[in-house]
């Protein structure tokens, strides 16, 4: 019985998050009330507060459902720091080239997820175009800043490895891993925001791959 109750509670939580996704996309975050979300989910306002502290908490939970898979591209276990299984017969790998390719593949995997998964696309549209950082949503702003900071740190670490091991890059004293990471983030973020405004305007995967490659070559570290 307890197990069934737990399953029902999780089902209600998922219904609330599903309702929030669609209402936030249609109406914007500020114009959507918790009562609106409860009504669409077929739940009570009390159920909303049972699962979430406030609208910001609900919003961040909604984001967690789609950003966690994206963040795996940069996690220590599966992302940029993940080490391949040792193979004595494999040729030695240039750590700089490997780090650079990991950055590139992580970026492309994120773009592919955005294009191929409707839920990811819907939630990113909400997070990008349908939210205002008003007082009751300051926790949402902080979450965005934390995710961005983590992304920049991971890319910066990989760029440092690349710049330290590739002679043509290290020969340029003006190259800065911090600034290069900021530029790459701005490039990807700008492409995604513009594509979400009009997905028919361009092919996000094709333009994204081209832009990433041109950017890395411009740093003197691309292939």
N, C-alpha and C. Protein backbone atom coordinates (compact mmCIF):
# COMPACT_ATOMS: atom_id res chain seq x y z
N UNK A 1 0.83 -1.20 0.00
CA UNK A 1 0.00 0.00 0.00
C UNK A 1 0.86 1.25 0.00
N UNK A 2 1.92 1.22 0.84
CA UNK A 2 2.82 2.36 0.92
C UNK A 2 3.52 2.59 -0.42
N UNK A 3 3.88 1.48 -1.08
CA UNK A 3 4.54 1.59 -2.37
C UNK A 3 3.61 2.22 -3.39
N UNK A 4 2.33 1.82 -3.37
CA UNK A 4 1.36 2.39 -4.30
C UNK A 4 1.19 3.88 -4.04
N UNK A 5 1.15 4.27 -2.77
CA UNK A 5 1.03 5.68 -2.42
C UNK A 5 2.21 6.48 -2.94
N UNK A 6 3.40 5.91 -2.82
CA UNK A 6 4.60 6.58 -3.31
C UNK A 6 4.56 6.72 -4.83
N UNK A 7 4.10 5.69 -5.51
CA UNK A 7 3.98 5.73 -6.97
C UNK A 7 2.95 6.78 -7.40
N UNK A 8 1.85 6.86 -6.66
CA UNK A 8 0.83 7.85 -6.98
C UNK A 8 1.35 9.27 -6.78
N UNK A 9 2.13 9.46 -5.72
CA UNK A 9 2.71 10.77 -5.45
C UNK A 9 3.67 11.17 -6.56
N UNK A 10 4.47 10.21 -7.03
CA UNK A 10 5.40 10.50 -8.12
C UNK A 10 4.65 10.80 -9.41
N UNK A 11 3.54 10.09 -9.63
CA UNK A 11 2.73 10.32 -10.82
C UNK A 11 2.13 11.73 -10.78
N UNK A 12 1.64 12.14 -9.62
CA UNK A 12 1.10 13.49 -9.47
C UNK A 12 2.17 14.54 -9.72
N UNK A 13 3.35 14.30 -9.19
CA UNK A 13 4.46 15.23 -9.39
C UNK A 13 4.77 15.38 -10.88
N UNK A 14 4.82 14.26 -11.58
CA UNK A 14 5.12 14.30 -13.01
C UNK A 14 4.02 15.04 -13.79
N UNK A 15 2.76 14.83 -13.40
CA UNK A 15 1.65 15.53 -14.06
C UNK A 15 1.78 17.04 -13.85
N UNK A 16 2.18 17.43 -12.66
CA UNK A 16 2.35 18.86 -12.37
C UNK A 16 3.47 19.45 -13.21
N UNK A 17 4.56 18.72 -13.35
CA UNK A 17 5.68 19.21 -14.16
C UNK A 17 5.31 19.26 -15.63
N UNK A 18 4.57 18.26 -16.09
CA UNK A 18 4.11 18.26 -17.49
C UNK A 18 3.21 19.47 -17.75
N UNK A 19 2.29 19.72 -16.82
CA UNK A 19 1.38 20.85 -16.97
C UNK A 19 2.16 22.16 -16.98
N UNK A 20 3.15 22.27 -16.10
CA UNK A 20 3.95 23.50 -16.04
C UNK A 20 4.68 23.74 -17.35
N UNK A 21 5.24 22.70 -17.92
CA UNK A 21 5.95 22.83 -19.20
C UNK A 21 5.06 23.49 -20.25
N UNK A 22 3.87 22.95 -20.42
CA UNK A 22 2.99 23.42 -21.49
C UNK A 22 2.42 24.80 -21.20
N UNK A 23 2.07 25.05 -19.94
CA UNK A 23 1.52 26.37 -19.61
C UNK A 23 2.59 27.45 -19.66
N UNK A 24 3.78 27.15 -19.18
CA UNK A 24 4.87 28.13 -19.25
C UNK A 24 5.17 28.48 -20.71
N UNK A 25 5.15 27.46 -21.57
CA UNK A 25 5.43 27.71 -22.99
C UNK A 25 4.33 28.57 -23.61
N UNK A 26 3.08 28.31 -23.25
CA UNK A 26 1.96 29.02 -23.87
C UNK A 26 1.75 30.42 -23.30
N UNK A 27 1.97 30.58 -21.98
CA UNK A 27 1.60 31.82 -21.32
C UNK A 27 2.78 32.61 -20.77
N UNK A 28 3.94 31.97 -20.67
CA UNK A 28 5.05 32.59 -19.96
C UNK A 28 5.03 32.20 -18.50
N UNK A 29 6.17 32.27 -17.84
CA UNK A 29 6.27 31.83 -16.45
C UNK A 29 5.54 32.78 -15.50
N UNK A 30 5.76 34.07 -15.67
CA UNK A 30 5.16 35.05 -14.75
C UNK A 30 3.64 35.05 -14.82
N UNK A 31 3.06 34.78 -15.98
CA UNK A 31 1.61 34.84 -16.16
C UNK A 31 0.92 33.52 -15.84
N UNK A 32 1.69 32.53 -15.45
CA UNK A 32 1.12 31.23 -15.09
C UNK A 32 1.13 31.08 -13.57
N UNK A 33 -0.04 30.85 -13.00
CA UNK A 33 -0.13 30.68 -11.55
C UNK A 33 -0.03 29.21 -11.17
N UNK A 34 0.26 28.96 -9.90
CA UNK A 34 0.29 27.59 -9.42
C UNK A 34 -1.10 26.96 -9.50
N UNK A 35 -2.13 27.78 -9.37
CA UNK A 35 -3.50 27.28 -9.51
C UNK A 35 -3.75 26.81 -10.95
N UNK A 36 -3.22 27.57 -11.92
CA UNK A 36 -3.34 27.17 -13.32
C UNK A 36 -2.72 25.79 -13.54
N UNK A 37 -1.55 25.62 -12.96
CA UNK A 37 -0.82 24.36 -13.12
C UNK A 37 -1.58 23.21 -12.47
N UNK A 38 -2.09 23.45 -11.26
CA UNK A 38 -2.84 22.41 -10.56
C UNK A 38 -4.08 22.02 -11.35
N UNK A 39 -4.78 23.01 -11.89
CA UNK A 39 -6.01 22.75 -12.64
C UNK A 39 -5.71 21.89 -13.87
N UNK A 40 -4.67 22.27 -14.61
CA UNK A 40 -4.35 21.52 -15.83
C UNK A 40 -3.91 20.09 -15.49
N UNK A 41 -3.23 19.93 -14.37
CA UNK A 41 -2.75 18.60 -13.98
C UNK A 41 -3.83 17.75 -13.33
N UNK A 42 -5.01 18.35 -13.07
CA UNK A 42 -6.06 17.61 -12.40
C UNK A 42 -5.75 17.37 -10.94
N UNK A 43 -5.02 18.31 -10.34
CA UNK A 43 -4.62 18.19 -8.95
C UNK A 43 -5.10 19.42 -8.18
N UNK A 44 -4.84 19.44 -6.89
CA UNK A 44 -5.21 20.57 -6.05
C UNK A 44 -4.00 21.49 -5.86
N UNK A 45 -4.28 22.72 -5.46
CA UNK A 45 -3.19 23.64 -5.15
C UNK A 45 -2.34 23.10 -4.00
N UNK A 46 -3.01 22.42 -3.06
CA UNK A 46 -2.27 21.82 -1.95
C UNK A 46 -1.28 20.78 -2.43
N UNK A 47 -1.63 20.04 -3.48
CA UNK A 47 -0.71 19.04 -4.03
C UNK A 47 0.54 19.71 -4.60
N UNK A 48 0.34 20.89 -5.18
CA UNK A 48 1.50 21.62 -5.71
C UNK A 48 2.47 21.93 -4.59
N UNK A 49 1.94 22.45 -3.47
CA UNK A 49 2.81 22.82 -2.35
C UNK A 49 3.35 21.60 -1.60
N UNK A 50 2.71 20.46 -1.78
CA UNK A 50 3.24 19.24 -1.18
C UNK A 50 4.56 18.85 -1.88
N UNK A 51 4.60 19.08 -3.17
CA UNK A 51 5.77 18.67 -3.95
C UNK A 51 6.79 19.79 -4.16
N UNK A 52 6.34 21.04 -4.17
CA UNK A 52 7.24 22.15 -4.50
C UNK A 52 7.05 23.30 -3.53
N UNK A 53 8.17 23.94 -3.17
CA UNK A 53 8.12 25.04 -2.21
C UNK A 53 7.42 26.26 -2.80
N UNK A 54 7.70 26.55 -4.07
CA UNK A 54 7.10 27.71 -4.74
C UNK A 54 7.27 27.52 -6.24
N UNK A 55 6.93 28.56 -7.00
CA UNK A 55 7.00 28.45 -8.46
C UNK A 55 8.44 28.26 -8.93
N UNK A 56 9.39 28.93 -8.29
CA UNK A 56 10.79 28.79 -8.68
C UNK A 56 11.26 27.35 -8.46
N UNK A 57 10.86 26.75 -7.36
CA UNK A 57 11.24 25.36 -7.09
C UNK A 57 10.65 24.43 -8.13
N UNK A 58 9.40 24.67 -8.52
CA UNK A 58 8.76 23.87 -9.56
C UNK A 58 9.47 24.07 -10.90
N UNK A 59 9.80 25.31 -11.22
CA UNK A 59 10.50 25.61 -12.47
C UNK A 59 11.84 24.87 -12.53
N UNK A 60 12.61 24.93 -11.45
CA UNK A 60 13.91 24.28 -11.44
C UNK A 60 13.79 22.76 -11.53
N UNK A 61 12.75 22.21 -10.92
CA UNK A 61 12.51 20.76 -11.05
C UNK A 61 12.18 20.41 -12.49
N UNK A 62 11.41 21.27 -13.15
CA UNK A 62 11.10 21.06 -14.56
C UNK A 62 12.38 21.08 -15.39
N UNK A 63 13.27 22.03 -15.09
CA UNK A 63 14.53 22.11 -15.81
C UNK A 63 15.41 20.89 -15.57
N UNK A 64 15.41 20.39 -14.34
CA UNK A 64 16.24 19.23 -14.00
C UNK A 64 15.91 18.03 -14.86
N UNK A 65 14.67 17.89 -15.25
CA UNK A 65 14.28 16.72 -16.03
C UNK A 65 14.94 16.69 -17.40
N UNK A 66 15.31 17.85 -17.94
CA UNK A 66 15.91 17.86 -19.28
C UNK A 66 17.36 18.31 -19.28
N UNK A 67 17.79 19.10 -18.29
CA UNK A 67 19.17 19.57 -18.33
C UNK A 67 20.15 18.55 -17.78
N UNK A 68 19.69 17.67 -16.91
CA UNK A 68 20.62 16.68 -16.37
C UNK A 68 21.20 15.80 -17.47
N UNK A 69 20.40 15.29 -18.42
CA UNK A 69 21.01 14.53 -19.52
C UNK A 69 22.00 15.36 -20.33
N UNK A 70 21.71 16.65 -20.51
CA UNK A 70 22.63 17.50 -21.27
C UNK A 70 23.93 17.71 -20.51
N UNK A 71 23.81 17.86 -19.19
CA UNK A 71 25.00 18.11 -18.39
C UNK A 71 25.89 16.89 -18.29
N UNK A 72 25.36 15.70 -18.60
CA UNK A 72 26.19 14.50 -18.60
C UNK A 72 27.35 14.62 -19.59
N UNK A 73 27.17 15.43 -20.63
CA UNK A 73 28.24 15.62 -21.61
C UNK A 73 29.45 16.26 -20.98
N UNK A 74 29.29 16.89 -19.82
CA UNK A 74 30.40 17.56 -19.17
C UNK A 74 30.67 17.03 -17.76
N UNK A 75 30.10 15.87 -17.45
CA UNK A 75 30.32 15.30 -16.12
C UNK A 75 31.66 14.59 -16.07
N UNK A 76 32.26 14.48 -14.86
CA UNK A 76 33.55 13.78 -14.73
C UNK A 76 33.49 12.32 -15.16
N UNK A 77 32.32 11.67 -14.96
CA UNK A 77 32.24 10.24 -15.25
C UNK A 77 32.04 9.96 -16.74
N UNK A 78 31.21 10.78 -17.40
CA UNK A 78 30.84 10.47 -18.78
C UNK A 78 31.24 11.54 -19.77
N UNK A 79 31.75 12.65 -19.27
CA UNK A 79 32.00 13.77 -20.16
C UNK A 79 33.47 14.05 -20.41
N UNK A 80 33.85 15.32 -20.27
CA UNK A 80 35.16 15.76 -20.72
C UNK A 80 36.32 15.12 -19.95
N UNK A 81 36.06 14.75 -18.68
CA UNK A 81 37.15 14.16 -17.89
C UNK A 81 37.15 12.64 -17.91
N UNK A 82 36.18 12.04 -18.56
CA UNK A 82 36.09 10.58 -18.56
C UNK A 82 37.31 9.99 -19.27
N UNK A 83 37.91 9.00 -18.66
CA UNK A 83 39.10 8.37 -19.21
C UNK A 83 38.73 7.09 -19.95
N UNK A 84 39.29 6.85 -21.12
CA UNK A 84 39.00 5.61 -21.85
C UNK A 84 39.61 4.40 -21.15
N UNK A 85 39.04 3.26 -21.42
CA UNK A 85 39.57 2.03 -20.85
C UNK A 85 40.96 1.77 -21.41
N UNK A 86 41.96 1.52 -20.52
CA UNK A 86 43.32 1.31 -20.99
C UNK A 86 43.40 0.16 -21.99
N UNK A 87 44.21 0.34 -23.03
CA UNK A 87 44.40 -0.69 -24.04
C UNK A 87 45.86 -0.66 -24.45
N UNK A 88 46.59 -1.69 -24.09
CA UNK A 88 48.03 -1.70 -24.34
C UNK A 88 48.35 -1.70 -25.82
N UNK A 89 47.38 -2.15 -26.66
CA UNK A 89 47.65 -2.21 -28.09
C UNK A 89 47.29 -0.91 -28.80
N UNK A 90 46.57 -0.03 -28.11
CA UNK A 90 46.15 1.22 -28.74
C UNK A 90 47.33 2.18 -28.84
N UNK A 91 47.39 2.97 -29.92
CA UNK A 91 48.47 3.94 -30.05
C UNK A 91 48.31 5.06 -29.04
N UNK A 92 49.40 5.73 -28.66
CA UNK A 92 49.30 6.83 -27.71
C UNK A 92 48.41 7.93 -28.27
N UNK A 93 47.65 8.58 -27.36
CA UNK A 93 46.73 9.63 -27.76
C UNK A 93 47.26 10.98 -27.32
N UNK A 94 47.24 11.93 -28.21
CA UNK A 94 47.60 13.31 -27.89
C UNK A 94 46.54 13.87 -26.96
N UNK A 95 46.92 14.15 -25.69
CA UNK A 95 45.92 14.59 -24.72
C UNK A 95 45.28 15.90 -25.13
N UNK A 96 46.03 16.78 -25.77
CA UNK A 96 45.46 18.04 -26.23
C UNK A 96 44.42 17.83 -27.30
N UNK A 97 44.74 16.99 -28.29
CA UNK A 97 43.79 16.70 -29.36
C UNK A 97 42.56 15.99 -28.81
N UNK A 98 42.77 15.11 -27.84
CA UNK A 98 41.65 14.38 -27.25
C UNK A 98 40.72 15.34 -26.51
N UNK A 99 41.29 16.24 -25.72
CA UNK A 99 40.48 17.20 -24.98
C UNK A 99 39.69 18.09 -25.93
N UNK A 100 40.31 18.49 -27.01
CA UNK A 100 39.63 19.34 -27.99
C UNK A 100 38.47 18.60 -28.65
N UNK A 101 38.68 17.35 -29.01
CA UNK A 101 37.62 16.57 -29.65
C UNK A 101 36.49 16.30 -28.67
N UNK A 102 36.82 16.13 -27.38
CA UNK A 102 35.77 15.94 -26.38
C UNK A 102 34.89 17.17 -26.27
N UNK A 103 35.50 18.35 -26.32
CA UNK A 103 34.71 19.58 -26.31
C UNK A 103 33.77 19.60 -27.50
N UNK A 104 34.32 19.32 -28.66
CA UNK A 104 33.53 19.38 -29.90
C UNK A 104 32.38 18.39 -29.86
N UNK A 105 32.65 17.15 -29.46
CA UNK A 105 31.61 16.13 -29.43
C UNK A 105 30.55 16.44 -28.38
N UNK A 106 30.96 17.01 -27.25
CA UNK A 106 29.99 17.37 -26.22
C UNK A 106 29.05 18.44 -26.72
N UNK A 107 29.60 19.43 -27.44
CA UNK A 107 28.77 20.48 -28.01
C UNK A 107 27.76 19.91 -29.01
N UNK A 108 28.24 19.05 -29.87
CA UNK A 108 27.38 18.48 -30.90
C UNK A 108 26.31 17.58 -30.30
N UNK A 109 26.63 16.87 -29.24
CA UNK A 109 25.64 16.00 -28.60
C UNK A 109 24.53 16.82 -27.98
N UNK A 110 24.88 17.98 -27.43
CA UNK A 110 23.88 18.86 -26.85
C UNK A 110 22.95 19.40 -27.94
N UNK A 111 23.53 19.85 -29.05
CA UNK A 111 22.72 20.37 -30.15
C UNK A 111 21.81 19.28 -30.71
N UNK A 112 22.33 18.08 -30.82
CA UNK A 112 21.53 16.97 -31.33
C UNK A 112 20.36 16.67 -30.42
N UNK A 113 20.58 16.73 -29.11
CA UNK A 113 19.51 16.48 -28.15
C UNK A 113 18.42 17.53 -28.28
N UNK A 114 18.82 18.79 -28.45
CA UNK A 114 17.85 19.87 -28.58
C UNK A 114 16.99 19.67 -29.83
N UNK A 115 17.63 19.27 -30.92
CA UNK A 115 16.90 19.09 -32.18
C UNK A 115 15.99 17.87 -32.14
N UNK A 116 16.45 16.80 -31.53
CA UNK A 116 15.74 15.52 -31.63
C UNK A 116 14.71 15.27 -30.54
N UNK A 117 14.81 15.97 -29.41
CA UNK A 117 13.91 15.69 -28.30
C UNK A 117 12.94 16.85 -28.07
N UNK A 118 11.64 16.65 -28.33
CA UNK A 118 10.66 17.74 -28.20
C UNK A 118 10.58 18.32 -26.80
N UNK A 119 10.71 17.48 -25.78
CA UNK A 119 10.61 17.99 -24.41
C UNK A 119 11.79 18.90 -24.09
N UNK A 120 12.97 18.50 -24.48
CA UNK A 120 14.14 19.34 -24.27
C UNK A 120 13.96 20.68 -24.97
N UNK A 121 13.49 20.62 -26.19
CA UNK A 121 13.28 21.86 -26.96
C UNK A 121 12.23 22.75 -26.30
N UNK A 122 11.15 22.15 -25.82
CA UNK A 122 10.07 22.92 -25.21
C UNK A 122 10.55 23.61 -23.93
N UNK A 123 11.27 22.88 -23.09
CA UNK A 123 11.72 23.45 -21.82
C UNK A 123 12.78 24.51 -22.04
N UNK A 124 13.65 24.30 -23.01
CA UNK A 124 14.65 25.32 -23.31
C UNK A 124 14.00 26.59 -23.86
N UNK A 125 12.93 26.42 -24.62
CA UNK A 125 12.22 27.61 -25.10
C UNK A 125 11.64 28.40 -23.93
N UNK A 126 11.10 27.69 -22.96
CA UNK A 126 10.59 28.35 -21.76
C UNK A 126 11.72 29.07 -21.03
N UNK A 127 12.82 28.37 -20.82
CA UNK A 127 13.94 28.94 -20.06
C UNK A 127 14.60 30.11 -20.78
N UNK A 128 14.52 30.10 -22.11
CA UNK A 128 15.20 31.12 -22.90
C UNK A 128 14.32 32.32 -23.19
N UNK A 129 13.05 32.07 -23.51
CA UNK A 129 12.18 33.14 -24.02
C UNK A 129 10.94 33.42 -23.18
N UNK A 130 10.64 32.56 -22.19
CA UNK A 130 9.36 32.71 -21.49
C UNK A 130 9.50 32.95 -19.99
N UNK A 131 10.68 33.36 -19.53
CA UNK A 131 10.88 33.58 -18.10
C UNK A 131 11.44 34.97 -17.86
N UNK A 132 10.95 35.62 -16.78
CA UNK A 132 11.48 36.90 -16.35
C UNK A 132 12.10 36.72 -14.97
N UNK A 133 13.23 37.36 -14.74
CA UNK A 133 13.90 37.22 -13.45
C UNK A 133 13.34 38.21 -12.44
N UNK A 134 12.04 38.10 -12.16
CA UNK A 134 11.40 38.93 -11.16
C UNK A 134 11.70 38.35 -9.78
N UNK A 135 11.26 39.09 -8.76
CA UNK A 135 11.67 38.75 -7.39
C UNK A 135 11.38 37.32 -6.99
N UNK A 136 10.20 36.81 -7.34
CA UNK A 136 9.86 35.46 -6.89
C UNK A 136 10.52 34.37 -7.73
N UNK A 137 11.29 34.78 -8.75
CA UNK A 137 12.00 33.81 -9.58
C UNK A 137 13.51 34.02 -9.54
N UNK A 138 14.01 34.65 -8.50
CA UNK A 138 15.45 34.87 -8.39
C UNK A 138 16.21 33.56 -8.26
N UNK A 139 15.57 32.55 -7.70
CA UNK A 139 16.21 31.23 -7.60
C UNK A 139 16.43 30.63 -8.98
N UNK A 140 15.55 30.96 -9.92
CA UNK A 140 15.71 30.49 -11.29
C UNK A 140 16.93 31.15 -11.92
N UNK A 141 17.08 32.44 -11.71
CA UNK A 141 18.25 33.16 -12.23
C UNK A 141 19.54 32.57 -11.67
N UNK A 142 19.53 32.27 -10.37
CA UNK A 142 20.73 31.71 -9.76
C UNK A 142 21.06 30.35 -10.33
N UNK A 143 20.03 29.57 -10.62
CA UNK A 143 20.27 28.26 -11.21
C UNK A 143 20.90 28.41 -12.58
N UNK A 144 20.40 29.33 -13.38
CA UNK A 144 20.98 29.57 -14.70
C UNK A 144 22.45 29.95 -14.58
N UNK A 145 22.76 30.81 -13.61
CA UNK A 145 24.14 31.24 -13.42
C UNK A 145 25.02 30.07 -12.99
N UNK A 146 24.50 29.21 -12.13
CA UNK A 146 25.28 28.05 -11.68
C UNK A 146 25.58 27.09 -12.82
N UNK A 147 24.57 26.84 -13.66
CA UNK A 147 24.76 25.94 -14.80
C UNK A 147 25.78 26.53 -15.77
N UNK A 148 25.66 27.83 -16.03
CA UNK A 148 26.61 28.48 -16.93
C UNK A 148 28.03 28.42 -16.38
N UNK A 149 28.18 28.68 -15.08
CA UNK A 149 29.51 28.65 -14.47
C UNK A 149 30.13 27.27 -14.55
N UNK A 150 29.31 26.23 -14.31
CA UNK A 150 29.83 24.88 -14.41
C UNK A 150 30.27 24.54 -15.82
N UNK A 151 29.47 24.94 -16.79
CA UNK A 151 29.80 24.72 -18.20
C UNK A 151 31.13 25.40 -18.54
N UNK A 152 31.26 26.67 -18.16
CA UNK A 152 32.48 27.42 -18.48
C UNK A 152 33.70 26.80 -17.84
N UNK A 153 33.56 26.34 -16.61
CA UNK A 153 34.69 25.74 -15.92
C UNK A 153 35.15 24.47 -16.61
N UNK A 154 34.20 23.62 -17.03
CA UNK A 154 34.57 22.37 -17.67
C UNK A 154 35.27 22.63 -19.00
N UNK A 155 34.72 23.57 -19.78
CA UNK A 155 35.33 23.87 -21.08
C UNK A 155 36.69 24.52 -20.88
N UNK A 156 36.80 25.41 -19.92
CA UNK A 156 38.08 26.08 -19.67
C UNK A 156 39.16 25.06 -19.31
N UNK A 157 38.82 24.08 -18.48
CA UNK A 157 39.80 23.06 -18.09
C UNK A 157 40.29 22.27 -19.30
N UNK A 158 39.38 21.92 -20.19
CA UNK A 158 39.77 21.18 -21.38
C UNK A 158 40.59 22.04 -22.33
N UNK A 159 40.23 23.31 -22.45
CA UNK A 159 41.00 24.21 -23.30
C UNK A 159 42.41 24.41 -22.75
N UNK A 160 42.53 24.46 -21.44
CA UNK A 160 43.86 24.59 -20.84
C UNK A 160 44.74 23.41 -21.21
N UNK A 161 44.16 22.20 -21.18
CA UNK A 161 44.91 21.01 -21.57
C UNK A 161 45.34 21.10 -23.03
N UNK A 162 44.40 21.53 -23.88
CA UNK A 162 44.69 21.64 -25.30
C UNK A 162 45.76 22.68 -25.58
N UNK A 163 45.61 23.83 -24.99
CA UNK A 163 46.56 24.92 -25.24
C UNK A 163 47.96 24.59 -24.72
N UNK A 164 48.01 23.80 -23.65
CA UNK A 164 49.30 23.46 -23.05
C UNK A 164 50.04 22.39 -23.83
N UNK A 165 49.34 21.65 -24.69
CA UNK A 165 49.97 20.52 -25.37
C UNK A 165 50.07 20.68 -26.88
N UNK A 166 49.48 21.76 -27.41
CA UNK A 166 49.57 21.99 -28.85
C UNK A 166 50.49 23.18 -29.11
N UNK A 167 51.64 22.96 -29.72
CA UNK A 167 52.63 24.03 -29.92
C UNK A 167 52.08 25.23 -30.66
N UNK A 168 51.27 25.00 -31.67
CA UNK A 168 50.78 26.13 -32.45
C UNK A 168 49.87 27.03 -31.62
N UNK A 169 49.21 26.45 -30.59
CA UNK A 169 48.35 27.25 -29.74
C UNK A 169 49.15 27.94 -28.65
N UNK A 170 50.03 27.19 -27.99
CA UNK A 170 50.79 27.76 -26.89
C UNK A 170 51.76 28.84 -27.38
N UNK A 171 52.04 28.83 -28.66
CA UNK A 171 52.94 29.86 -29.20
C UNK A 171 52.28 31.23 -29.24
N UNK A 172 50.98 31.27 -29.11
CA UNK A 172 50.24 32.54 -29.12
C UNK A 172 49.94 32.95 -27.68
N UNK A 173 50.69 33.92 -27.14
CA UNK A 173 50.52 34.28 -25.73
C UNK A 173 49.20 34.96 -25.44
N UNK A 174 48.47 35.39 -26.47
CA UNK A 174 47.21 36.09 -26.24
C UNK A 174 46.02 35.14 -26.08
N UNK A 175 46.24 33.86 -26.33
CA UNK A 175 45.16 32.91 -26.16
C UNK A 175 44.85 32.73 -24.67
N UNK A 176 43.62 32.88 -24.31
CA UNK A 176 43.18 32.76 -22.91
C UNK A 176 42.10 31.69 -22.82
N UNK A 177 42.32 30.60 -22.06
CA UNK A 177 41.29 29.58 -21.90
C UNK A 177 39.98 30.15 -21.35
N UNK A 178 40.10 31.13 -20.44
CA UNK A 178 38.90 31.72 -19.85
C UNK A 178 38.08 32.44 -20.92
N UNK A 179 38.74 33.30 -21.70
CA UNK A 179 38.03 34.04 -22.73
C UNK A 179 37.55 33.14 -23.85
N UNK A 180 38.35 32.12 -24.19
CA UNK A 180 37.95 31.19 -25.24
C UNK A 180 36.70 30.41 -24.82
N UNK A 181 36.63 30.02 -23.54
CA UNK A 181 35.46 29.31 -23.04
C UNK A 181 34.23 30.22 -23.07
N UNK A 182 34.41 31.48 -22.69
CA UNK A 182 33.30 32.43 -22.73
C UNK A 182 32.79 32.60 -24.16
N UNK A 183 33.71 32.70 -25.10
CA UNK A 183 33.33 32.86 -26.50
C UNK A 183 32.58 31.66 -27.04
N UNK A 184 33.05 30.46 -26.67
CA UNK A 184 32.38 29.24 -27.14
C UNK A 184 30.97 29.14 -26.56
N UNK A 185 30.85 29.49 -25.29
CA UNK A 185 29.53 29.49 -24.65
C UNK A 185 28.59 30.47 -25.35
N UNK A 186 29.08 31.67 -25.62
CA UNK A 186 28.26 32.68 -26.29
C UNK A 186 27.84 32.22 -27.68
N UNK A 187 28.75 31.54 -28.36
CA UNK A 187 28.45 31.04 -29.70
C UNK A 187 27.31 30.02 -29.66
N UNK A 188 27.43 29.03 -28.80
CA UNK A 188 26.42 27.97 -28.71
C UNK A 188 25.10 28.53 -28.19
N UNK A 189 25.18 29.34 -27.15
CA UNK A 189 23.98 29.91 -26.56
C UNK A 189 23.23 30.77 -27.57
N UNK A 190 23.96 31.57 -28.32
CA UNK A 190 23.33 32.42 -29.33
C UNK A 190 22.69 31.62 -30.45
N UNK A 191 23.35 30.58 -30.90
CA UNK A 191 22.78 29.72 -31.94
C UNK A 191 21.48 29.08 -31.47
N UNK A 192 21.50 28.54 -30.26
CA UNK A 192 20.32 27.86 -29.73
C UNK A 192 19.16 28.85 -29.57
N UNK A 193 19.43 30.02 -29.00
CA UNK A 193 18.36 31.00 -28.80
C UNK A 193 17.73 31.42 -30.12
N UNK A 194 18.56 31.67 -31.14
CA UNK A 194 18.03 32.08 -32.43
C UNK A 194 17.28 30.95 -33.12
N UNK A 195 17.77 29.73 -32.99
CA UNK A 195 17.08 28.59 -33.61
C UNK A 195 15.73 28.35 -32.95
N UNK A 196 15.65 28.52 -31.62
CA UNK A 196 14.38 28.33 -30.93
C UNK A 196 13.34 29.35 -31.37
N UNK A 197 13.79 30.54 -31.75
CA UNK A 197 12.86 31.55 -32.25
C UNK A 197 12.23 31.12 -33.57
N UNK A 198 13.01 30.43 -34.41
CA UNK A 198 12.52 30.00 -35.71
C UNK A 198 13.31 28.77 -36.17
N UNK A 199 12.86 27.57 -35.77
CA UNK A 199 13.59 26.34 -36.12
C UNK A 199 13.72 26.10 -37.61
N UNK A 200 12.89 26.77 -38.42
CA UNK A 200 12.96 26.58 -39.86
C UNK A 200 14.01 27.48 -40.52
N UNK A 201 14.57 28.39 -39.75
CA UNK A 201 15.49 29.37 -40.33
C UNK A 201 16.81 28.74 -40.76
N UNK A 202 17.27 27.75 -40.01
CA UNK A 202 18.53 27.09 -40.36
C UNK A 202 18.61 25.75 -39.66
N UNK A 203 19.53 24.92 -40.14
CA UNK A 203 19.76 23.60 -39.56
C UNK A 203 20.72 23.76 -38.38
N UNK A 204 20.21 23.57 -37.16
CA UNK A 204 21.03 23.81 -35.98
C UNK A 204 22.26 22.92 -35.92
N UNK A 205 22.11 21.65 -36.31
CA UNK A 205 23.25 20.73 -36.27
C UNK A 205 24.31 21.12 -37.29
N UNK A 206 23.88 21.41 -38.50
CA UNK A 206 24.83 21.74 -39.56
C UNK A 206 25.54 23.06 -39.27
N UNK A 207 24.77 24.08 -38.95
CA UNK A 207 25.36 25.38 -38.67
C UNK A 207 26.18 25.33 -37.38
N UNK A 208 25.69 24.56 -36.41
CA UNK A 208 26.43 24.45 -35.15
C UNK A 208 27.78 23.80 -35.34
N UNK A 209 27.84 22.70 -36.08
CA UNK A 209 29.12 22.03 -36.32
C UNK A 209 30.07 22.94 -37.07
N UNK A 210 29.55 23.59 -38.10
CA UNK A 210 30.39 24.50 -38.89
C UNK A 210 30.94 25.63 -38.00
N UNK A 211 30.09 26.22 -37.18
CA UNK A 211 30.49 27.36 -36.35
C UNK A 211 31.51 26.95 -35.30
N UNK A 212 31.29 25.79 -34.68
CA UNK A 212 32.23 25.31 -33.67
C UNK A 212 33.60 25.07 -34.30
N UNK A 213 33.63 24.41 -35.45
CA UNK A 213 34.90 24.11 -36.11
C UNK A 213 35.63 25.39 -36.52
N UNK A 214 34.89 26.35 -37.05
CA UNK A 214 35.51 27.62 -37.46
C UNK A 214 36.06 28.35 -36.24
N UNK A 215 35.30 28.33 -35.13
CA UNK A 215 35.74 29.00 -33.92
C UNK A 215 37.03 28.38 -33.38
N UNK A 216 37.07 27.06 -33.30
CA UNK A 216 38.26 26.39 -32.76
C UNK A 216 39.47 26.61 -33.68
N UNK A 217 39.24 26.58 -34.98
CA UNK A 217 40.34 26.86 -35.90
C UNK A 217 40.83 28.29 -35.74
N UNK A 218 39.90 29.19 -35.48
CA UNK A 218 40.28 30.58 -35.26
C UNK A 218 41.16 30.76 -34.04
N UNK A 219 41.01 29.87 -33.05
CA UNK A 219 41.88 29.91 -31.87
C UNK A 219 43.25 29.32 -32.17
N UNK A 220 43.36 28.67 -33.32
CA UNK A 220 44.62 28.02 -33.66
C UNK A 220 44.74 26.62 -33.10
N UNK A 221 43.61 26.03 -32.68
CA UNK A 221 43.68 24.69 -32.08
C UNK A 221 42.78 23.69 -32.80
N UNK A 222 42.07 24.12 -33.83
CA UNK A 222 41.19 23.21 -34.55
C UNK A 222 41.95 22.40 -35.58
N UNK A 223 41.27 21.38 -36.09
CA UNK A 223 41.91 20.52 -37.11
C UNK A 223 41.77 21.14 -38.49
